[in-house]
Amino acid sequence: MKNDLSTYSSHLINMKYFVKHSSGTSLILIDEFGTGTEPMLGGSIAEAIFGEFNKAGAFGVITTHYTNLKHFASLTSGIVNGAMLFDHHLMQPLFQLSIGKPGAHSPLKLPVRLAFLRISLKKRPKRRGSKHKLRPQP
């Protein structure tokens, strides 16, 4: 890679450029904002950058699974949450945008629904977190 930068370092350099040059006429499109590093730190850094874009009055669509960014959007004037709808019964996207509230990210539903790693996940409640319950297969 150019100058031996990690992928995340490269993202940060790009974000620095975008923050410096964003304005009320800017359109910013970012997929999976904050990823590429440790999630707590990446989410915090992404939140700070998100705030700078908002302060500059930039328009954009930013996708993320990070809860802190969803909360930030809910609490910050000038930012609106949205979600792509998903049919959890059929386990397929609906290709419909819902504006106003963030999407629910349920990383345990898909492997459980597909009977993938069910036994392994069931034996590791501490790893998945106690608030994430495994539901029976349909």
N, C-alpha and C. Protein backbone atom coordinates (compact mmCIF):
# COMPACT_ATOMS: atom_id res chain seq x y z
N MET A 1 0.83 -1.17 0.00
CA MET A 1 0.00 0.00 0.00
C MET A 1 0.88 1.24 0.00
N LYS A 2 0.31 2.31 -0.51
CA LYS A 2 1.03 3.57 -0.57
C LYS A 2 1.43 4.01 0.84
N ASN A 3 2.72 4.32 1.02
CA ASN A 3 3.27 4.80 2.29
C ASN A 3 3.05 3.84 3.45
N ASP A 4 2.86 2.55 3.18
CA ASP A 4 2.67 1.54 4.22
C ASP A 4 1.53 1.86 5.18
N LEU A 5 0.46 2.43 4.68
CA LEU A 5 -0.68 2.75 5.53
C LEU A 5 -1.62 1.55 5.64
N SER A 6 -2.22 1.39 6.81
CA SER A 6 -3.25 0.38 6.94
C SER A 6 -4.50 0.89 6.23
N THR A 7 -5.44 0.00 6.00
CA THR A 7 -6.70 0.40 5.38
C THR A 7 -7.38 1.47 6.22
N TYR A 8 -7.39 1.29 7.55
CA TYR A 8 -8.05 2.26 8.43
C TYR A 8 -7.34 3.61 8.37
N SER A 9 -6.00 3.60 8.37
CA SER A 9 -5.25 4.86 8.26
C SER A 9 -5.62 5.58 6.98
N SER A 10 -5.75 4.83 5.92
CA SER A 10 -6.14 5.40 4.63
C SER A 10 -7.53 6.02 4.72
N HIS A 11 -8.46 5.34 5.40
CA HIS A 11 -9.80 5.89 5.59
C HIS A 11 -9.75 7.21 6.35
N LEU A 12 -8.92 7.25 7.40
CA LEU A 12 -8.83 8.46 8.20
C LEU A 12 -8.25 9.63 7.39
N ILE A 13 -7.28 9.35 6.56
CA ILE A 13 -6.73 10.40 5.70
C ILE A 13 -7.81 10.93 4.77
N ASN A 14 -8.61 10.03 4.21
CA ASN A 14 -9.71 10.46 3.35
C ASN A 14 -10.74 11.26 4.13
N MET A 15 -11.07 10.81 5.34
CA MET A 15 -12.04 11.54 6.17
C MET A 15 -11.53 12.95 6.50
N LYS A 16 -10.24 13.06 6.77
CA LYS A 16 -9.65 14.38 7.05
C LYS A 16 -9.87 15.31 5.86
N TYR A 17 -9.66 14.79 4.67
CA TYR A 17 -9.87 15.58 3.46
C TYR A 17 -11.35 16.00 3.34
N PHE A 18 -12.24 15.04 3.54
CA PHE A 18 -13.67 15.32 3.40
C PHE A 18 -14.15 16.33 4.44
N VAL A 19 -13.69 16.19 5.67
CA VAL A 19 -14.07 17.15 6.72
C VAL A 19 -13.58 18.54 6.36
N LYS A 20 -12.35 18.63 5.91
CA LYS A 20 -11.76 19.93 5.58
C LYS A 20 -12.49 20.61 4.42
N HIS A 21 -12.98 19.82 3.47
CA HIS A 21 -13.57 20.39 2.26
C HIS A 21 -15.10 20.30 2.20
N SER A 22 -15.75 19.79 3.24
CA SER A 22 -17.21 19.67 3.18
C SER A 22 -17.87 21.01 3.48
N SER A 23 -19.04 21.19 2.85
CA SER A 23 -19.82 22.42 3.04
C SER A 23 -21.28 22.10 2.81
N GLY A 24 -22.09 23.12 2.78
CA GLY A 24 -23.53 22.95 2.55
C GLY A 24 -23.87 22.49 1.14
N THR A 25 -22.89 22.44 0.27
CA THR A 25 -23.13 21.94 -1.09
C THR A 25 -22.51 20.56 -1.30
N SER A 26 -22.00 19.95 -0.25
CA SER A 26 -21.34 18.64 -0.35
C SER A 26 -22.35 17.51 -0.21
N LEU A 27 -22.11 16.45 -0.96
CA LEU A 27 -22.86 15.20 -0.82
C LEU A 27 -21.87 14.13 -0.41
N ILE A 28 -22.10 13.54 0.76
CA ILE A 28 -21.18 12.55 1.31
C ILE A 28 -21.88 11.20 1.35
N LEU A 29 -21.26 10.19 0.76
CA LEU A 29 -21.79 8.83 0.74
C LEU A 29 -20.74 7.91 1.37
N ILE A 30 -21.07 7.32 2.52
CA ILE A 30 -20.12 6.45 3.21
C ILE A 30 -20.84 5.16 3.60
N ASP A 31 -20.25 4.04 3.22
CA ASP A 31 -20.80 2.73 3.56
C ASP A 31 -20.02 2.14 4.74
N GLU A 32 -20.75 1.67 5.74
CA GLU A 32 -20.17 1.04 6.93
C GLU A 32 -19.19 1.99 7.63
N PHE A 33 -19.68 3.16 7.97
CA PHE A 33 -18.89 4.20 8.61
C PHE A 33 -18.32 3.72 9.94
N GLY A 34 -17.04 3.93 10.16
CA GLY A 34 -16.38 3.61 11.41
C GLY A 34 -15.72 2.25 11.47
N THR A 35 -15.93 1.42 10.46
CA THR A 35 -15.34 0.08 10.50
C THR A 35 -13.88 0.12 10.08
N GLY A 36 -13.20 -0.97 10.32
CA GLY A 36 -11.80 -1.09 9.92
C GLY A 36 -10.84 -1.05 11.09
N THR A 37 -11.37 -0.83 12.28
CA THR A 37 -10.55 -0.83 13.49
C THR A 37 -11.39 -1.34 14.65
N GLU A 38 -10.87 -1.28 15.84
CA GLU A 38 -11.59 -1.74 17.02
C GLU A 38 -12.93 -0.99 17.10
N PRO A 39 -14.06 -1.70 17.21
CA PRO A 39 -15.38 -1.07 17.10
C PRO A 39 -15.66 0.09 18.04
N MET A 40 -15.29 0.01 19.31
CA MET A 40 -15.57 1.11 20.23
C MET A 40 -14.82 2.38 19.81
N LEU A 41 -13.57 2.22 19.45
CA LEU A 41 -12.78 3.38 19.03
C LEU A 41 -13.22 3.87 17.66
N GLY A 42 -13.44 2.95 16.74
CA GLY A 42 -13.89 3.33 15.40
C GLY A 42 -15.22 4.06 15.44
N GLY A 43 -16.13 3.58 16.29
CA GLY A 43 -17.43 4.24 16.44
C GLY A 43 -17.31 5.63 17.03
N SER A 44 -16.42 5.80 18.00
CA SER A 44 -16.22 7.12 18.61
C SER A 44 -15.61 8.11 17.62
N ILE A 45 -14.62 7.65 16.88
CA ILE A 45 -13.99 8.51 15.89
C ILE A 45 -14.99 8.86 14.79
N ALA A 46 -15.77 7.88 14.35
CA ALA A 46 -16.78 8.12 13.32
C ALA A 46 -17.82 9.13 13.81
N GLU A 47 -18.19 9.06 15.08
CA GLU A 47 -19.16 10.01 15.64
C GLU A 47 -18.62 11.43 15.59
N ALA A 48 -17.35 11.60 15.92
CA ALA A 48 -16.74 12.93 15.87
C ALA A 48 -16.71 13.45 14.43
N ILE A 49 -16.37 12.60 13.49
CA ILE A 49 -16.33 13.00 12.08
C ILE A 49 -17.74 13.31 11.59
N PHE A 50 -18.70 12.49 11.98
CA PHE A 50 -20.10 12.69 11.63
C PHE A 50 -20.56 14.08 12.09
N GLY A 51 -20.18 14.43 13.32
CA GLY A 51 -20.52 15.74 13.86
C GLY A 51 -19.92 16.88 13.04
N GLU A 52 -18.71 16.70 12.56
CA GLU A 52 -18.06 17.72 11.73
C GLU A 52 -18.79 17.89 10.39
N PHE A 53 -19.21 16.78 9.79
CA PHE A 53 -19.98 16.86 8.54
C PHE A 53 -21.28 17.63 8.78
N ASN A 54 -21.94 17.31 9.88
CA ASN A 54 -23.19 17.97 10.21
C ASN A 54 -22.98 19.46 10.45
N LYS A 55 -21.92 19.81 11.18
CA LYS A 55 -21.61 21.21 11.46
C LYS A 55 -21.36 21.98 10.16
N ALA A 56 -20.76 21.32 9.17
CA ALA A 56 -20.48 21.96 7.88
C ALA A 56 -21.75 22.08 7.02
N GLY A 57 -22.82 21.41 7.42
CA GLY A 57 -24.07 21.46 6.67
C GLY A 57 -24.11 20.54 5.48
N ALA A 58 -23.21 19.56 5.45
CA ALA A 58 -23.14 18.63 4.32
C ALA A 58 -24.36 17.72 4.29
N PHE A 59 -24.72 17.29 3.11
CA PHE A 59 -25.78 16.31 2.91
C PHE A 59 -25.11 14.96 2.73
N GLY A 60 -25.80 13.90 3.10
CA GLY A 60 -25.17 12.61 2.90
C GLY A 60 -26.05 11.43 3.25
N VAL A 61 -25.56 10.28 2.86
CA VAL A 61 -26.12 9.00 3.25
C VAL A 61 -24.95 8.22 3.82
N ILE A 62 -25.10 7.83 5.08
CA ILE A 62 -24.03 7.12 5.78
C ILE A 62 -24.64 5.85 6.36
N THR A 63 -24.07 4.71 6.01
CA THR A 63 -24.57 3.45 6.55
C THR A 63 -23.66 2.99 7.69
N THR A 64 -24.25 2.33 8.67
CA THR A 64 -23.47 1.81 9.79
C THR A 64 -24.28 0.76 10.54
N HIS A 65 -23.58 -0.08 11.27
CA HIS A 65 -24.22 -0.97 12.22
C HIS A 65 -23.93 -0.52 13.65
N TYR A 66 -23.18 0.56 13.79
CA TYR A 66 -22.77 1.01 15.12
C TYR A 66 -23.89 1.74 15.84
N THR A 67 -24.25 1.22 16.99
CA THR A 67 -25.34 1.77 17.79
C THR A 67 -25.06 3.21 18.21
N ASN A 68 -23.82 3.53 18.54
CA ASN A 68 -23.53 4.90 18.99
C ASN A 68 -23.83 5.91 17.88
N LEU A 69 -23.60 5.55 16.62
CA LEU A 69 -23.89 6.47 15.52
C LEU A 69 -25.39 6.61 15.31
N LYS A 70 -26.13 5.53 15.53
CA LYS A 70 -27.59 5.59 15.42
C LYS A 70 -28.16 6.50 16.51
N HIS A 71 -27.64 6.38 17.73
CA HIS A 71 -28.08 7.24 18.83
C HIS A 71 -27.70 8.69 18.56
N PHE A 72 -26.50 8.91 18.09
CA PHE A 72 -26.03 10.26 17.76
C PHE A 72 -26.98 10.90 16.74
N ALA A 73 -27.34 10.14 15.71
CA ALA A 73 -28.26 10.66 14.69
C ALA A 73 -29.62 10.99 15.29
N SER A 74 -30.09 10.16 16.22
CA SER A 74 -31.40 10.38 16.85
C SER A 74 -31.41 11.65 17.70
N LEU A 75 -30.27 11.97 18.29
CA LEU A 75 -30.20 13.09 19.23
C LEU A 75 -29.68 14.39 18.62
N THR A 76 -29.27 14.36 17.36
CA THR A 76 -28.61 15.51 16.77
C THR A 76 -29.47 16.18 15.71
N SER A 77 -29.71 17.48 15.88
CA SER A 77 -30.46 18.25 14.91
C SER A 77 -29.72 18.25 13.57
N GLY A 78 -30.46 18.08 12.50
CA GLY A 78 -29.86 18.09 11.18
C GLY A 78 -29.55 16.70 10.64
N ILE A 79 -29.74 15.67 11.47
CA ILE A 79 -29.46 14.30 11.05
C ILE A 79 -30.74 13.48 11.23
N VAL A 80 -31.06 12.65 10.24
CA VAL A 80 -32.26 11.82 10.28
C VAL A 80 -31.84 10.36 10.11
N ASN A 81 -32.34 9.51 10.98
CA ASN A 81 -32.10 8.07 10.86
C ASN A 81 -32.96 7.47 9.76
N GLY A 82 -32.52 6.36 9.27
CA GLY A 82 -33.28 5.59 8.30
C GLY A 82 -32.82 4.15 8.35
N ALA A 83 -33.57 3.30 7.70
CA ALA A 83 -33.22 1.88 7.70
C ALA A 83 -33.75 1.22 6.44
N MET A 84 -32.98 0.27 5.95
CA MET A 84 -33.46 -0.58 4.87
C MET A 84 -34.23 -1.72 5.54
N LEU A 85 -35.44 -1.93 5.09
CA LEU A 85 -36.30 -2.94 5.71
C LEU A 85 -35.86 -4.35 5.32
N PHE A 86 -36.09 -5.28 6.25
CA PHE A 86 -35.66 -6.66 6.09
C PHE A 86 -36.75 -7.57 6.62
N ASP A 87 -37.09 -8.61 5.88
CA ASP A 87 -38.06 -9.59 6.32
C ASP A 87 -37.32 -10.64 7.14
N HIS A 88 -37.51 -10.60 8.46
CA HIS A 88 -36.78 -11.50 9.35
C HIS A 88 -37.33 -12.93 9.30
N HIS A 89 -38.55 -13.09 8.85
CA HIS A 89 -39.11 -14.44 8.72
C HIS A 89 -38.52 -15.14 7.49
N LEU A 90 -38.51 -14.44 6.36
CA LEU A 90 -37.96 -15.02 5.13
C LEU A 90 -36.46 -14.82 5.00
N MET A 91 -35.89 -14.01 5.89
CA MET A 91 -34.46 -13.72 5.89
C MET A 91 -34.00 -13.16 4.55
N GLN A 92 -34.71 -12.09 4.12
CA GLN A 92 -34.32 -11.46 2.87
C GLN A 92 -34.65 -9.97 2.91
N PRO A 93 -33.88 -9.17 2.19
CA PRO A 93 -34.14 -7.73 2.17
C PRO A 93 -35.43 -7.41 1.41
N LEU A 94 -36.09 -6.32 1.83
CA LEU A 94 -37.31 -5.88 1.16
C LEU A 94 -37.03 -4.74 0.17
N PHE A 95 -35.84 -4.21 0.19
CA PHE A 95 -35.43 -3.12 -0.70
C PHE A 95 -36.34 -1.90 -0.56
N GLN A 96 -36.72 -1.60 0.69
CA GLN A 96 -37.53 -0.44 1.00
C GLN A 96 -36.83 0.38 2.07
N LEU A 97 -36.80 1.69 1.89
CA LEU A 97 -36.18 2.59 2.86
C LEU A 97 -37.25 3.12 3.80
N SER A 98 -36.98 3.01 5.09
CA SER A 98 -37.86 3.55 6.11
C SER A 98 -37.13 4.72 6.78
N ILE A 99 -37.75 5.90 6.76
CA ILE A 99 -37.13 7.09 7.32
C ILE A 99 -37.67 7.36 8.72
N GLY A 100 -36.80 7.77 9.62
CA GLY A 100 -37.25 8.22 10.94
C GLY A 100 -36.68 7.45 12.11
N LYS A 101 -36.41 6.19 11.94
CA LYS A 101 -35.79 5.45 13.04
C LYS A 101 -34.74 4.50 12.47
N PRO A 102 -33.74 4.19 13.29
CA PRO A 102 -32.66 3.33 12.79
C PRO A 102 -33.09 1.88 12.63
N GLY A 103 -32.36 1.18 11.82
CA GLY A 103 -32.62 -0.24 11.64
C GLY A 103 -32.12 -1.04 12.83
N ALA A 104 -32.69 -2.21 12.99
CA ALA A 104 -32.26 -3.11 14.05
C ALA A 104 -31.24 -4.08 13.47
N HIS A 105 -30.10 -4.12 14.06
CA HIS A 105 -29.06 -5.04 13.61
C HIS A 105 -29.09 -6.24 14.54
N SER A 106 -29.32 -7.40 13.99
CA SER A 106 -29.43 -8.62 14.79
C SER A 106 -28.47 -9.67 14.25
N PRO A 107 -27.20 -9.56 14.60
CA PRO A 107 -26.21 -10.46 14.01
C PRO A 107 -26.38 -11.93 14.40
N LEU A 108 -27.12 -12.20 15.46
CA LEU A 108 -27.30 -13.60 15.86
C LEU A 108 -28.46 -14.27 15.14
N LYS A 109 -29.37 -13.49 14.57
CA LYS A 109 -30.56 -14.10 13.96
C LYS A 109 -30.22 -14.94 12.73
N LEU A 110 -29.37 -14.45 11.86
CA LEU A 110 -29.08 -15.17 10.63
C LEU A 110 -28.40 -16.51 10.87
N PRO A 111 -27.32 -16.59 11.66
CA PRO A 111 -26.72 -17.92 11.86
C PRO A 111 -27.64 -18.88 12.60
N VAL A 112 -28.47 -18.36 13.51
CA VAL A 112 -29.41 -19.23 14.22
C VAL A 112 -30.49 -19.71 13.26
N ARG A 113 -31.00 -18.79 12.46
CA ARG A 113 -32.06 -19.14 11.50
C ARG A 113 -31.55 -20.19 10.51
N LEU A 114 -30.31 -20.09 10.14
CA LEU A 114 -29.73 -21.05 9.20
C LEU A 114 -29.16 -22.28 9.91
N ALA A 115 -29.40 -22.39 11.23
CA ALA A 115 -28.90 -23.49 12.05
C ALA A 115 -27.38 -23.57 11.95
N PHE A 116 -26.77 -22.44 11.85
CA PHE A 116 -25.32 -22.35 11.73
C PHE A 116 -24.74 -21.93 13.08
N LEU A 117 -23.88 -22.73 13.62
CA LEU A 117 -23.21 -22.47 14.90
C LEU A 117 -24.16 -22.41 16.09
N ARG A 118 -25.36 -22.95 15.98
CA ARG A 118 -26.32 -22.87 17.08
C ARG A 118 -25.77 -23.47 18.37
N ILE A 119 -25.22 -24.65 18.29
CA ILE A 119 -24.71 -25.31 19.49
C ILE A 119 -23.55 -24.51 20.06
N SER A 120 -22.66 -24.07 19.21
CA SER A 120 -21.51 -23.30 19.66
C SER A 120 -21.94 -21.99 20.32
N LEU A 121 -22.90 -21.28 19.73
CA LEU A 121 -23.38 -20.02 20.30
C LEU A 121 -24.13 -20.27 21.62
N LYS A 122 -24.87 -21.35 21.68
CA LYS A 122 -25.64 -21.66 22.88
C LYS A 122 -24.72 -21.90 24.08
N LYS A 123 -23.56 -22.48 23.84
CA LYS A 123 -22.61 -22.79 24.90
C LYS A 123 -21.79 -21.57 25.33
N ARG A 124 -21.92 -20.45 24.63
CA ARG A 124 -21.07 -19.30 24.90
C ARG A 124 -21.87 -18.03 25.19
N PRO A 125 -22.74 -18.03 26.21
CA PRO A 125 -23.53 -16.83 26.49
C PRO A 125 -22.68 -15.63 26.88
N LYS A 126 -21.54 -15.85 27.51
CA LYS A 126 -20.68 -14.73 27.89
C LYS A 126 -20.09 -14.05 26.66
N ARG A 127 -19.79 -14.81 25.63
CA ARG A 127 -19.21 -14.24 24.41
C ARG A 127 -20.22 -13.43 23.62
N ARG A 128 -21.48 -13.85 23.62
CA ARG A 128 -22.48 -13.14 22.83
C ARG A 128 -23.13 -12.03 23.64
N GLY A 129 -22.97 -12.05 24.96
CA GLY A 129 -23.60 -11.06 25.83
C GLY A 129 -24.92 -11.60 26.35
N SER A 130 -25.20 -11.37 27.60
CA SER A 130 -26.38 -11.98 28.23
C SER A 130 -27.69 -11.41 27.71
N LYS A 131 -27.69 -10.19 27.16
CA LYS A 131 -28.95 -9.62 26.68
C LYS A 131 -29.37 -10.17 25.32
N HIS A 132 -28.48 -10.88 24.63
CA HIS A 132 -28.80 -11.45 23.33
C HIS A 132 -29.24 -12.90 23.53
N LYS A 133 -30.51 -13.14 23.43
CA LYS A 133 -31.07 -14.47 23.64
C LYS A 133 -31.18 -15.20 22.31
N LEU A 134 -30.96 -16.49 22.33
CA LEU A 134 -31.14 -17.31 21.13
C LEU A 134 -32.58 -17.82 21.13
N ARG A 135 -33.27 -17.58 20.04
CA ARG A 135 -34.65 -18.04 19.91
C ARG A 135 -34.66 -19.41 19.24
N PRO A 136 -35.68 -20.19 19.53
CA PRO A 136 -35.78 -21.50 18.88
C PRO A 136 -35.91 -21.35 17.37
N GLN A 137 -35.45 -22.35 16.66
CA GLN A 137 -35.57 -22.35 15.21
C GLN A 137 -37.02 -22.55 14.80
N PRO A 138 -37.46 -21.88 13.73
CA PRO A 138 -38.84 -22.08 13.27
C PRO A 138 -39.01 -23.42 12.60
